[in-house]
Full PDB file with SEQRES, HELIX, SHEET, SSBOND, CRYST1, ORIGX, SCALE, CONECT and MASTER records, all heavy atoms in Angstrom:
SEQRES   1 A   37  ALA LEU ALA ALA GLU GLY ILE PHE ALA PHE ALA LEU GLU          
SEQRES   2 A   37  SER GLY PHE LEU GLY ILE LEU ILE PHE GLY TRP ASN ARG          
SEQRES   3 A   37  VAL GLY PRO ARG VAL HIS PHE LEU SER THR ILE                  
HELIX    1 AA1 LEU A    2  ALA A    4  1                                   3    
HELIX    2 AA2 GLU A    5  PHE A   10  3                                   6    
HELIX    3 AA3 ALA A   11  PHE A   22  1                                  12    
HELIX    4 AA4 PRO A   29  THR A   36  1                                   8    
CRYST1    1.000    1.000    1.000  90.00  90.00  90.00 P 1           1          
ORIGX1      1.000000  0.000000  0.000000        0.00000                         
ORIGX2      0.000000  1.000000  0.000000        0.00000                         
ORIGX3      0.000000  0.000000  1.000000        0.00000                         
SCALE1      1.000000  0.000000  0.000000        0.00000                         
SCALE2      0.000000  1.000000  0.000000        0.00000                         
SCALE3      0.000000  0.000000  1.000000        0.00000                         
ATOM      1  N   ALA A   1       0.744  -1.187   0.002  1.00  0.00           N  
ATOM      2  CA  ALA A   1      -0.047   0.069  -0.014  1.00  0.00           C  
ATOM      3  C   ALA A   1       0.843   1.276  -0.005  1.00  0.00           C  
ATOM      4  O   ALA A   1       0.545   2.229  -0.693  1.00  0.00           O  
ATOM      5  CB  ALA A   1      -0.931   0.022   1.208  1.00  0.00           C  
ATOM      6  N   LEU A   2       1.905   1.221   0.845  1.00  0.00           N  
ATOM      7  CA  LEU A   2       2.732   2.409   0.864  1.00  0.00           C  
ATOM      8  C   LEU A   2       3.560   2.628  -0.294  1.00  0.00           C  
ATOM      9  O   LEU A   2       3.898   3.733  -0.812  1.00  0.00           O  
ATOM     10  CB  LEU A   2       3.688   2.430   2.144  1.00  0.00           C  
ATOM     11  CG  LEU A   2       2.916   2.453   3.501  1.00  0.00           C  
ATOM     12  CD1 LEU A   2       3.890   2.355   4.626  1.00  0.00           C  
ATOM     13  CD2 LEU A   2       2.047   3.745   3.601  1.00  0.00           C  
ATOM     14  N   ALA A   3       4.005   1.532  -0.964  1.00  0.00           N  
ATOM     15  CA  ALA A   3       4.656   1.565  -2.220  1.00  0.00           C  
ATOM     16  C   ALA A   3       3.807   2.229  -3.350  1.00  0.00           C  
ATOM     17  O   ALA A   3       4.216   3.064  -4.079  1.00  0.00           O  
ATOM     18  CB  ALA A   3       5.207   0.260  -2.673  1.00  0.00           C  
ATOM     19  N   ALA A   4       2.525   1.721  -3.299  1.00  0.00           N  
ATOM     20  CA  ALA A   4       1.606   2.295  -4.297  1.00  0.00           C  
ATOM     21  C   ALA A   4       1.395   3.815  -4.067  1.00  0.00           C  
ATOM     22  O   ALA A   4       1.245   4.612  -4.981  1.00  0.00           O  
ATOM     23  CB  ALA A   4       0.237   1.536  -4.207  1.00  0.00           C  
ATOM     24  N   GLU A   5       1.272   4.145  -2.742  1.00  0.00           N  
ATOM     25  CA  GLU A   5       1.240   5.580  -2.409  1.00  0.00           C  
ATOM     26  C   GLU A   5       2.353   6.433  -2.993  1.00  0.00           C  
ATOM     27  O   GLU A   5       2.141   7.513  -3.562  1.00  0.00           O  
ATOM     28  CB  GLU A   5       1.074   5.701  -0.903  1.00  0.00           C  
ATOM     29  CG  GLU A   5       0.577   7.109  -0.502  1.00  0.00           C  
ATOM     30  CD  GLU A   5       1.755   7.969   0.034  1.00  0.00           C  
ATOM     31  OE1 GLU A   5       2.874   7.362   0.255  1.00  0.00           O  
ATOM     32  OE2 GLU A   5       1.638   9.185   0.139  1.00  0.00           O  
ATOM     33  N   GLY A   6       3.573   5.856  -2.940  1.00  0.00           N  
ATOM     34  CA  GLY A   6       4.724   6.595  -3.349  1.00  0.00           C  
ATOM     35  C   GLY A   6       4.788   6.711  -4.807  1.00  0.00           C  
ATOM     36  O   GLY A   6       5.118   7.745  -5.382  1.00  0.00           O  
ATOM     37  N   ILE A   7       4.398   5.555  -5.502  1.00  0.00           N  
ATOM     38  CA  ILE A   7       4.487   5.527  -6.980  1.00  0.00           C  
ATOM     39  C   ILE A   7       3.357   6.313  -7.662  1.00  0.00           C  
ATOM     40  O   ILE A   7       3.610   7.160  -8.520  1.00  0.00           O  
ATOM     41  CB  ILE A   7       4.451   4.058  -7.434  1.00  0.00           C  
ATOM     42  CG1 ILE A   7       5.792   3.371  -6.939  1.00  0.00           C  
ATOM     43  CG2 ILE A   7       4.430   4.011  -8.974  1.00  0.00           C  
ATOM     44  CD1 ILE A   7       5.750   1.871  -7.187  1.00  0.00           C  
ATOM     45  N   PHE A   8       2.144   6.093  -7.203  1.00  0.00           N  
ATOM     46  CA  PHE A   8       0.945   6.610  -7.884  1.00  0.00           C  
ATOM     47  C   PHE A   8       0.509   7.919  -7.361  1.00  0.00           C  
ATOM     48  O   PHE A   8      -0.294   8.616  -8.044  1.00  0.00           O  
ATOM     49  CB  PHE A   8      -0.186   5.604  -7.891  1.00  0.00           C  
ATOM     50  CG  PHE A   8       0.228   4.282  -8.503  1.00  0.00           C  
ATOM     51  CD1 PHE A   8       0.249   3.109  -7.763  1.00  0.00           C  
ATOM     52  CD2 PHE A   8       0.426   4.230  -9.840  1.00  0.00           C  
ATOM     53  CE1 PHE A   8       0.521   1.935  -8.340  1.00  0.00           C  
ATOM     54  CE2 PHE A   8       0.712   3.048 -10.453  1.00  0.00           C  
ATOM     55  CZ  PHE A   8       0.789   1.814  -9.689  1.00  0.00           C  
ATOM     56  N   ALA A   9       0.842   8.310  -6.153  1.00  0.00           N  
ATOM     57  CA  ALA A   9       0.277   9.496  -5.544  1.00  0.00           C  
ATOM     58  C   ALA A   9       1.321  10.486  -5.265  1.00  0.00           C  
ATOM     59  O   ALA A   9       1.253  11.647  -5.821  1.00  0.00           O  
ATOM     60  CB  ALA A   9      -0.440   9.109  -4.232  1.00  0.00           C  
ATOM     61  N   PHE A  10       2.254  10.197  -4.414  1.00  0.00           N  
ATOM     62  CA  PHE A  10       3.276  11.252  -4.030  1.00  0.00           C  
ATOM     63  C   PHE A  10       4.054  11.767  -5.193  1.00  0.00           C  
ATOM     64  O   PHE A  10       4.376  12.934  -5.340  1.00  0.00           O  
ATOM     65  CB  PHE A  10       4.237  10.769  -2.917  1.00  0.00           C  
ATOM     66  CG  PHE A  10       5.152  11.763  -2.300  1.00  0.00           C  
ATOM     67  CD1 PHE A  10       4.652  12.694  -1.518  1.00  0.00           C  
ATOM     68  CD2 PHE A  10       6.458  11.841  -2.718  1.00  0.00           C  
ATOM     69  CE1 PHE A  10       5.444  13.674  -0.959  1.00  0.00           C  
ATOM     70  CE2 PHE A  10       7.247  12.701  -2.066  1.00  0.00           C  
ATOM     71  CZ  PHE A  10       6.754  13.737  -1.284  1.00  0.00           C  
ATOM     72  N   ALA A  11       4.461  10.788  -6.080  1.00  0.00           N  
ATOM     73  CA  ALA A  11       5.288  11.161  -7.241  1.00  0.00           C  
ATOM     74  C   ALA A  11       4.359  12.080  -8.249  1.00  0.00           C  
ATOM     75  O   ALA A  11       4.882  13.065  -8.718  1.00  0.00           O  
ATOM     76  CB  ALA A  11       5.736   9.934  -8.075  1.00  0.00           C  
ATOM     77  N   LEU A  12       3.195  11.787  -8.284  1.00  0.00           N  
ATOM     78  CA  LEU A  12       2.187  12.592  -9.166  1.00  0.00           C  
ATOM     79  C   LEU A  12       2.132  14.041  -8.562  1.00  0.00           C  
ATOM     80  O   LEU A  12       2.257  14.996  -9.251  1.00  0.00           O  
ATOM     81  CB  LEU A  12       0.855  11.952  -9.305  1.00  0.00           C  
ATOM     82  CG  LEU A  12      -0.229  12.677 -10.028  1.00  0.00           C  
ATOM     83  CD1 LEU A  12       0.168  12.815 -11.456  1.00  0.00           C  
ATOM     84  CD2 LEU A  12      -1.541  12.036  -9.861  1.00  0.00           C  
ATOM     85  N   GLU A  13       1.839  14.022  -7.182  1.00  0.00           N  
ATOM     86  CA  GLU A  13       1.621  15.341  -6.524  1.00  0.00           C  
ATOM     87  C   GLU A  13       2.819  16.165  -6.588  1.00  0.00           C  
ATOM     88  O   GLU A  13       2.824  17.371  -6.968  1.00  0.00           O  
ATOM     89  CB  GLU A  13       1.144  15.031  -5.086  1.00  0.00           C  
ATOM     90  CG  GLU A  13       0.732  16.302  -4.340  1.00  0.00           C  
ATOM     91  CD  GLU A  13       0.292  15.989  -2.973  1.00  0.00           C  
ATOM     92  OE1 GLU A  13       0.497  14.798  -2.451  1.00  0.00           O  
ATOM     93  OE2 GLU A  13      -0.304  16.765  -2.264  1.00  0.00           O  
ATOM     94  N   SER A  14       4.010  15.671  -6.193  1.00  0.00           N  
ATOM     95  CA  SER A  14       5.271  16.392  -6.111  1.00  0.00           C  
ATOM     96  C   SER A  14       5.765  16.695  -7.462  1.00  0.00           C  
ATOM     97  O   SER A  14       6.387  17.842  -7.678  1.00  0.00           O  
ATOM     98  CB  SER A  14       6.291  15.591  -5.273  1.00  0.00           C  
ATOM     99  OG  SER A  14       6.512  14.419  -5.774  1.00  0.00           O  
ATOM    100  N   GLY A  15       5.516  15.880  -8.420  1.00  0.00           N  
ATOM    101  CA  GLY A  15       5.969  16.094  -9.798  1.00  0.00           C  
ATOM    102  C   GLY A  15       5.361  17.347 -10.448  1.00  0.00           C  
ATOM    103  O   GLY A  15       6.037  18.178 -11.109  1.00  0.00           O  
ATOM    104  N   PHE A  16       4.078  17.541 -10.260  1.00  0.00           N  
ATOM    105  CA  PHE A  16       3.364  18.669 -10.824  1.00  0.00           C  
ATOM    106  C   PHE A  16       3.364  19.827  -9.937  1.00  0.00           C  
ATOM    107  O   PHE A  16       2.874  20.908 -10.338  1.00  0.00           O  
ATOM    108  CB  PHE A  16       1.953  18.254 -11.128  1.00  0.00           C  
ATOM    109  CG  PHE A  16       1.837  17.449 -12.492  1.00  0.00           C  
ATOM    110  CD1 PHE A  16       1.802  16.089 -12.438  1.00  0.00           C  
ATOM    111  CD2 PHE A  16       1.679  18.155 -13.621  1.00  0.00           C  
ATOM    112  CE1 PHE A  16       1.687  15.385 -13.618  1.00  0.00           C  
ATOM    113  CE2 PHE A  16       1.598  17.446 -14.905  1.00  0.00           C  
ATOM    114  CZ  PHE A  16       1.615  16.093 -14.855  1.00  0.00           C  
ATOM    115  N   LEU A  17       3.788  19.675  -8.668  1.00  0.00           N  
ATOM    116  CA  LEU A  17       3.792  20.723  -7.731  1.00  0.00           C  
ATOM    117  C   LEU A  17       4.760  21.975  -8.203  1.00  0.00           C  
ATOM    118  O   LEU A  17       4.416  23.038  -8.016  1.00  0.00           O  
ATOM    119  CB  LEU A  17       4.306  20.317  -6.280  1.00  0.00           C  
ATOM    120  CG  LEU A  17       4.222  21.340  -5.200  1.00  0.00           C  
ATOM    121  CD1 LEU A  17       2.735  21.835  -5.019  1.00  0.00           C  
ATOM    122  CD2 LEU A  17       4.793  20.764  -3.925  1.00  0.00           C  
ATOM    123  N   GLY A  18       5.855  21.602  -8.806  1.00  0.00           N  
ATOM    124  CA  GLY A  18       6.828  22.599  -9.237  1.00  0.00           C  
ATOM    125  C   GLY A  18       6.130  23.404 -10.303  1.00  0.00           C  
ATOM    126  O   GLY A  18       6.346  24.632 -10.343  1.00  0.00           O  
ATOM    127  N   ILE A  19       5.376  22.820 -11.263  1.00  0.00           N  
ATOM    128  CA  ILE A  19       4.710  23.604 -12.321  1.00  0.00           C  
ATOM    129  C   ILE A  19       3.609  24.476 -11.663  1.00  0.00           C  
ATOM    130  O   ILE A  19       3.377  25.613 -11.978  1.00  0.00           O  
ATOM    131  CB  ILE A  19       4.056  22.643 -13.324  1.00  0.00           C  
ATOM    132  CG1 ILE A  19       5.123  21.822 -13.965  1.00  0.00           C  
ATOM    133  CG2 ILE A  19       3.328  23.494 -14.458  1.00  0.00           C  
ATOM    134  CD1 ILE A  19       4.572  20.785 -14.959  1.00  0.00           C  
ATOM    135  N   LEU A  20       2.860  23.876 -10.670  1.00  0.00           N  
ATOM    136  CA  LEU A  20       1.913  24.701  -9.931  1.00  0.00           C  
ATOM    137  C   LEU A  20       2.465  25.905  -9.344  1.00  0.00           C  
ATOM    138  O   LEU A  20       1.881  27.056  -9.465  1.00  0.00           O  
ATOM    139  CB  LEU A  20       1.259  23.796  -8.881  1.00  0.00           C  
ATOM    140  CG  LEU A  20       0.121  24.387  -8.035  1.00  0.00           C  
ATOM    141  CD1 LEU A  20      -1.070  24.699  -8.891  1.00  0.00           C  
ATOM    142  CD2 LEU A  20      -0.202  23.517  -6.853  1.00  0.00           C  
ATOM    143  N   ILE A  21       3.613  25.832  -8.655  1.00  0.00           N  
ATOM    144  CA  ILE A  21       4.150  26.951  -7.912  1.00  0.00           C  
ATOM    145  C   ILE A  21       4.893  27.889  -8.792  1.00  0.00           C  
ATOM    146  O   ILE A  21       4.698  29.100  -8.756  1.00  0.00           O  
ATOM    147  CB  ILE A  21       5.025  26.438  -6.788  1.00  0.00           C  
ATOM    148  CG1 ILE A  21       4.239  25.570  -5.756  1.00  0.00           C  
ATOM    149  CG2 ILE A  21       5.699  27.623  -6.073  1.00  0.00           C  
ATOM    150  CD1 ILE A  21       5.104  24.927  -4.737  1.00  0.00           C  
ATOM    151  N   PHE A  22       5.727  27.284  -9.720  1.00  0.00           N  
ATOM    152  CA  PHE A  22       6.660  28.168 -10.449  1.00  0.00           C  
ATOM    153  C   PHE A  22       6.311  28.296 -11.973  1.00  0.00           C  
ATOM    154  O   PHE A  22       7.014  28.928 -12.674  1.00  0.00           O  
ATOM    155  CB  PHE A  22       8.038  27.627 -10.380  1.00  0.00           C  
ATOM    156  CG  PHE A  22       8.538  27.479  -9.014  1.00  0.00           C  
ATOM    157  CD1 PHE A  22       8.696  26.223  -8.397  1.00  0.00           C  
ATOM    158  CD2 PHE A  22       8.919  28.542  -8.169  1.00  0.00           C  
ATOM    159  CE1 PHE A  22       9.179  26.103  -7.101  1.00  0.00           C  
ATOM    160  CE2 PHE A  22       9.295  28.501  -6.937  1.00  0.00           C  
ATOM    161  CZ  PHE A  22       9.564  27.172  -6.336  1.00  0.00           C  
ATOM    162  N   GLY A  23       5.165  27.621 -12.366  1.00  0.00           N  
ATOM    163  CA  GLY A  23       4.815  27.625 -13.770  1.00  0.00           C  
ATOM    164  C   GLY A  23       4.167  28.876 -14.351  1.00  0.00           C  
ATOM    165  O   GLY A  23       3.927  28.967 -15.558  1.00  0.00           O  
ATOM    166  N   TRP A  24       3.664  29.723 -13.428  1.00  0.00           N  
ATOM    167  CA  TRP A  24       3.061  31.019 -13.959  1.00  0.00           C  
ATOM    168  C   TRP A  24       4.016  31.650 -14.906  1.00  0.00           C  
ATOM    169  O   TRP A  24       5.179  31.957 -14.712  1.00  0.00           O  
ATOM    170  CB  TRP A  24       2.712  31.978 -12.846  1.00  0.00           C  
ATOM    171  CG  TRP A  24       1.628  31.416 -11.844  1.00  0.00           C  
ATOM    172  CD1 TRP A  24       1.770  30.885 -10.718  1.00  0.00           C  
ATOM    173  CD2 TRP A  24       0.213  31.360 -12.169  1.00  0.00           C  
ATOM    174  NE1 TRP A  24       0.574  30.513 -10.165  1.00  0.00           N  
ATOM    175  CE2 TRP A  24      -0.431  30.840 -11.077  1.00  0.00           C  
ATOM    176  CE3 TRP A  24      -0.533  31.705 -13.299  1.00  0.00           C  
ATOM    177  CZ2 TRP A  24      -1.812  30.600 -11.013  1.00  0.00           C  
ATOM    178  CZ3 TRP A  24      -1.976  31.458 -13.214  1.00  0.00           C  
ATOM    179  CH2 TRP A  24      -2.542  30.958 -12.042  1.00  0.00           C  
ATOM    180  N   ASN A  25       3.543  32.005 -16.130  1.00  0.00           N  
ATOM    181  CA  ASN A  25       4.288  32.853 -17.132  1.00  0.00           C  
ATOM    182  C   ASN A  25       5.362  31.932 -17.731  1.00  0.00           C  
ATOM    183  O   ASN A  25       6.203  32.424 -18.613  1.00  0.00           O  
ATOM    184  CB  ASN A  25       4.964  34.057 -16.621  1.00  0.00           C  
ATOM    185  CG  ASN A  25       3.886  35.021 -15.860  1.00  0.00           C  
ATOM    186  OD1 ASN A  25       2.837  35.204 -16.452  1.00  0.00           O  
ATOM    187  ND2 ASN A  25       4.234  35.634 -14.720  1.00  0.00           N  
ATOM    188  N   ARG A  26       5.423  30.683 -17.398  1.00  0.00           N  
ATOM    189  CA  ARG A  26       6.443  29.770 -18.009  1.00  0.00           C  
ATOM    190  C   ARG A  26       5.720  28.671 -18.839  1.00  0.00           C  
ATOM    191  O   ARG A  26       6.327  28.091 -19.821  1.00  0.00           O  
ATOM    192  CB  ARG A  26       7.291  29.144 -16.924  1.00  0.00           C  
ATOM    193  CG  ARG A  26       8.266  30.089 -16.213  1.00  0.00           C  
ATOM    194  CD  ARG A  26       9.038  29.434 -15.206  1.00  0.00           C  
ATOM    195  NE  ARG A  26      10.162  30.253 -14.639  1.00  0.00           N  
ATOM    196  CZ  ARG A  26       9.913  31.042 -13.631  1.00  0.00           C  
ATOM    197  NH1 ARG A  26       8.690  31.136 -13.063  1.00  0.00           N  
ATOM    198  NH2 ARG A  26      10.884  31.818 -13.212  1.00  0.00           N  
ATOM    199  N   VAL A  27       4.510  28.301 -18.509  1.00  0.00           N  
ATOM    200  CA  VAL A  27       3.722  27.383 -19.285  1.00  0.00           C  
ATOM    201  C   VAL A  27       2.442  28.028 -19.577  1.00  0.00           C  
ATOM    202  O   VAL A  27       2.036  29.065 -19.013  1.00  0.00           O  
ATOM    203  CB  VAL A  27       3.455  26.092 -18.560  1.00  0.00           C  
ATOM    204  CG1 VAL A  27       4.824  25.366 -18.244  1.00  0.00           C  
ATOM    205  CG2 VAL A  27       2.734  26.294 -17.244  1.00  0.00           C  
ATOM    206  N   GLY A  28       1.664  27.471 -20.519  1.00  0.00           N  
ATOM    207  CA  GLY A  28       0.389  28.042 -20.935  1.00  0.00           C  
ATOM    208  C   GLY A  28      -0.593  27.806 -19.830  1.00  0.00           C  
ATOM    209  O   GLY A  28      -0.418  27.055 -18.978  1.00  0.00           O  
ATOM    210  N   PRO A  29      -1.680  28.629 -19.841  1.00  0.00           N  
ATOM    211  CA  PRO A  29      -2.692  28.487 -18.782  1.00  0.00           C  
ATOM    212  C   PRO A  29      -3.402  27.114 -18.687  1.00  0.00           C  
ATOM    213  O   PRO A  29      -3.688  26.678 -17.600  1.00  0.00           O  
ATOM    214  CB  PRO A  29      -3.762  29.608 -19.201  1.00  0.00           C  
ATOM    215  CG  PRO A  29      -3.522  29.822 -20.626  1.00  0.00           C  
ATOM    216  CD  PRO A  29      -2.048  29.621 -20.896  1.00  0.00           C  
ATOM    217  N   ARG A  30      -3.520  26.446 -19.846  1.00  0.00           N  
ATOM    218  CA  ARG A  30      -4.199  25.146 -19.839  1.00  0.00           C  
ATOM    219  C   ARG A  30      -3.212  24.122 -19.195  1.00  0.00           C  
ATOM    220  O   ARG A  30      -3.637  23.218 -18.474  1.00  0.00           O  
ATOM    221  CB  ARG A  30      -4.658  24.708 -21.189  1.00  0.00           C  
ATOM    222  CG  ARG A  30      -5.727  25.580 -21.751  1.00  0.00           C  
ATOM    223  CD  ARG A  30      -6.176  25.097 -23.077  1.00  0.00           C  
ATOM    224  NE  ARG A  30      -7.197  25.994 -23.745  1.00  0.00           N  
ATOM    225  CZ  ARG A  30      -8.450  25.951 -23.467  1.00  0.00           C  
ATOM    226  NH1 ARG A  30      -8.905  25.156 -22.517  1.00  0.00           N  
ATOM    227  NH2 ARG A  30      -9.281  26.877 -23.951  1.00  0.00           N  
ATOM    228  N   VAL A  31      -1.921  24.204 -19.521  1.00  0.00           N  
ATOM    229  CA  VAL A  31      -0.983  23.289 -18.899  1.00  0.00           C  
ATOM    230  C   VAL A  31      -0.844  23.556 -17.347  1.00  0.00           C  
ATOM    231  O   VAL A  31      -0.740  22.650 -16.561  1.00  0.00           O  
ATOM    232  CB  VAL A  31       0.453  23.466 -19.567  1.00  0.00           C  
ATOM    233  CG1 VAL A  31       1.454  22.737 -18.777  1.00  0.00           C  
ATOM    234  CG2 VAL A  31       0.358  23.081 -20.964  1.00  0.00           C  
ATOM    235  N   HIS A  32      -0.968  24.827 -16.980  1.00  0.00           N  
ATOM    236  CA  HIS A  32      -0.944  25.122 -15.584  1.00  0.00           C  
ATOM    237  C   HIS A  32      -2.135  24.569 -14.869  1.00  0.00           C  
ATOM    238  O   HIS A  32      -2.051  24.057 -13.709  1.00  0.00           O  
ATOM    239  CB  HIS A  32      -0.824  26.657 -15.358  1.00  0.00           C  
ATOM    240  CG  HIS A  32      -0.435  27.043 -13.937  1.00  0.00           C  
ATOM    241  ND1 HIS A  32      -1.386  27.083 -12.980  1.00  0.00           N  
ATOM    242  CD2 HIS A  32       0.752  27.235 -13.330  1.00  0.00           C  
ATOM    243  CE1 HIS A  32      -0.843  27.424 -11.777  1.00  0.00           C  
ATOM    244  NE2 HIS A  32       0.486  27.498 -11.920  1.00  0.00           N  
ATOM    245  N   PHE A  33      -3.291  24.783 -15.511  1.00  0.00           N  
ATOM    246  CA  PHE A  33      -4.537  24.184 -14.954  1.00  0.00           C  
ATOM    247  C   PHE A  33      -4.423  22.692 -14.738  1.00  0.00           C  
ATOM    248  O   PHE A  33      -4.839  22.102 -13.803  1.00  0.00           O  
ATOM    249  CB  PHE A  33      -5.686  24.583 -15.755  1.00  0.00           C  
ATOM    250  CG  PHE A  33      -7.103  24.129 -15.255  1.00  0.00           C  
ATOM    251  CD1 PHE A  33      -7.365  24.381 -13.996  1.00  0.00           C  
ATOM    252  CD2 PHE A  33      -7.919  23.380 -16.118  1.00  0.00           C  
ATOM    253  CE1 PHE A  33      -8.696  23.987 -13.516  1.00  0.00           C  
ATOM    254  CE2 PHE A  33      -9.122  23.031 -15.631  1.00  0.00           C  
ATOM    255  CZ  PHE A  33      -9.459  23.329 -14.337  1.00  0.00           C  
ATOM    256  N   LEU A  34      -3.809  21.951 -15.822  1.00  0.00           N  
ATOM    257  CA  LEU A  34      -3.600  20.521 -15.660  1.00  0.00           C  
ATOM    258  C   LEU A  34      -2.818  20.214 -14.582  1.00  0.00           C  
ATOM    259  O   LEU A  34      -2.987  19.182 -13.844  1.00  0.00           O  
ATOM    260  CB  LEU A  34      -3.012  20.090 -17.031  1.00  0.00           C  
ATOM    261  CG  LEU A  34      -2.708  18.467 -17.073  1.00  0.00           C  
ATOM    262  CD1 LEU A  34      -3.913  17.675 -16.968  1.00  0.00           C  
ATOM    263  CD2 LEU A  34      -1.781  18.187 -18.369  1.00  0.00           C  
ATOM    264  N   SER A  35      -1.705  20.949 -14.327  1.00  0.00           N  
ATOM    265  CA  SER A  35      -0.852  20.681 -13.121  1.00  0.00           C  
ATOM    266  C   SER A  35      -1.584  20.860 -11.870  1.00  0.00           C  
ATOM    267  O   SER A  35      -1.440  20.072 -10.914  1.00  0.00           O  
ATOM    268  CB  SER A  35       0.418  21.583 -13.202  1.00  0.00           C  
ATOM    269  OG  SER A  35       0.022  22.968 -12.879  1.00  0.00           O  
ATOM    270  N   THR A  36      -2.492  21.834 -11.782  1.00  0.00           N  
ATOM    271  CA  THR A  36      -3.319  21.939 -10.604  1.00  0.00           C  
ATOM    272  C   THR A  36      -4.212  20.772 -10.294  1.00  0.00           C  
ATOM    273  O   THR A  36      -4.315  20.273  -9.242  1.00  0.00           O  
ATOM    274  CB  THR A  36      -4.224  23.272 -10.721  1.00  0.00           C  
ATOM    275  OG1 THR A  36      -3.381  24.395 -11.034  1.00  0.00           O  
ATOM    276  CG2 THR A  36      -4.987  23.524  -9.471  1.00  0.00           C  
ATOM    277  N   ILE A  37      -4.818  20.308 -11.432  1.00  0.00           N  
ATOM    278  CA  ILE A  37      -5.641  19.062 -11.291  1.00  0.00           C  
ATOM    279  C   ILE A  37      -4.816  17.902 -10.858  1.00  0.00           C  
ATOM    280  O   ILE A  37      -5.168  17.128 -10.023  1.00  0.00           O  
ATOM    281  CB  ILE A  37      -6.361  18.802 -12.639  1.00  0.00           C  
ATOM    282  CG1 ILE A  37      -7.439  19.908 -13.006  1.00  0.00           C  
ATOM    283  CG2 ILE A  37      -7.104  17.475 -12.499  1.00  0.00           C  
ATOM    284  CD1 ILE A  37      -7.959  19.782 -14.356  1.00  0.00           C  
TER     285      ILE A  37                                                      
MASTER        0    0    0    4    0    0    0    6  284    1    0    3          
END                                                                             
């Protein structure tokens, strides 16, 4: 269960977190919205 959490959840959340925080004016609005989702 914890391995699945790390692979499918934490990696997804932390991977897109950088775009969410620093992606303004660096990626398009739709890509940024996708990162938020």
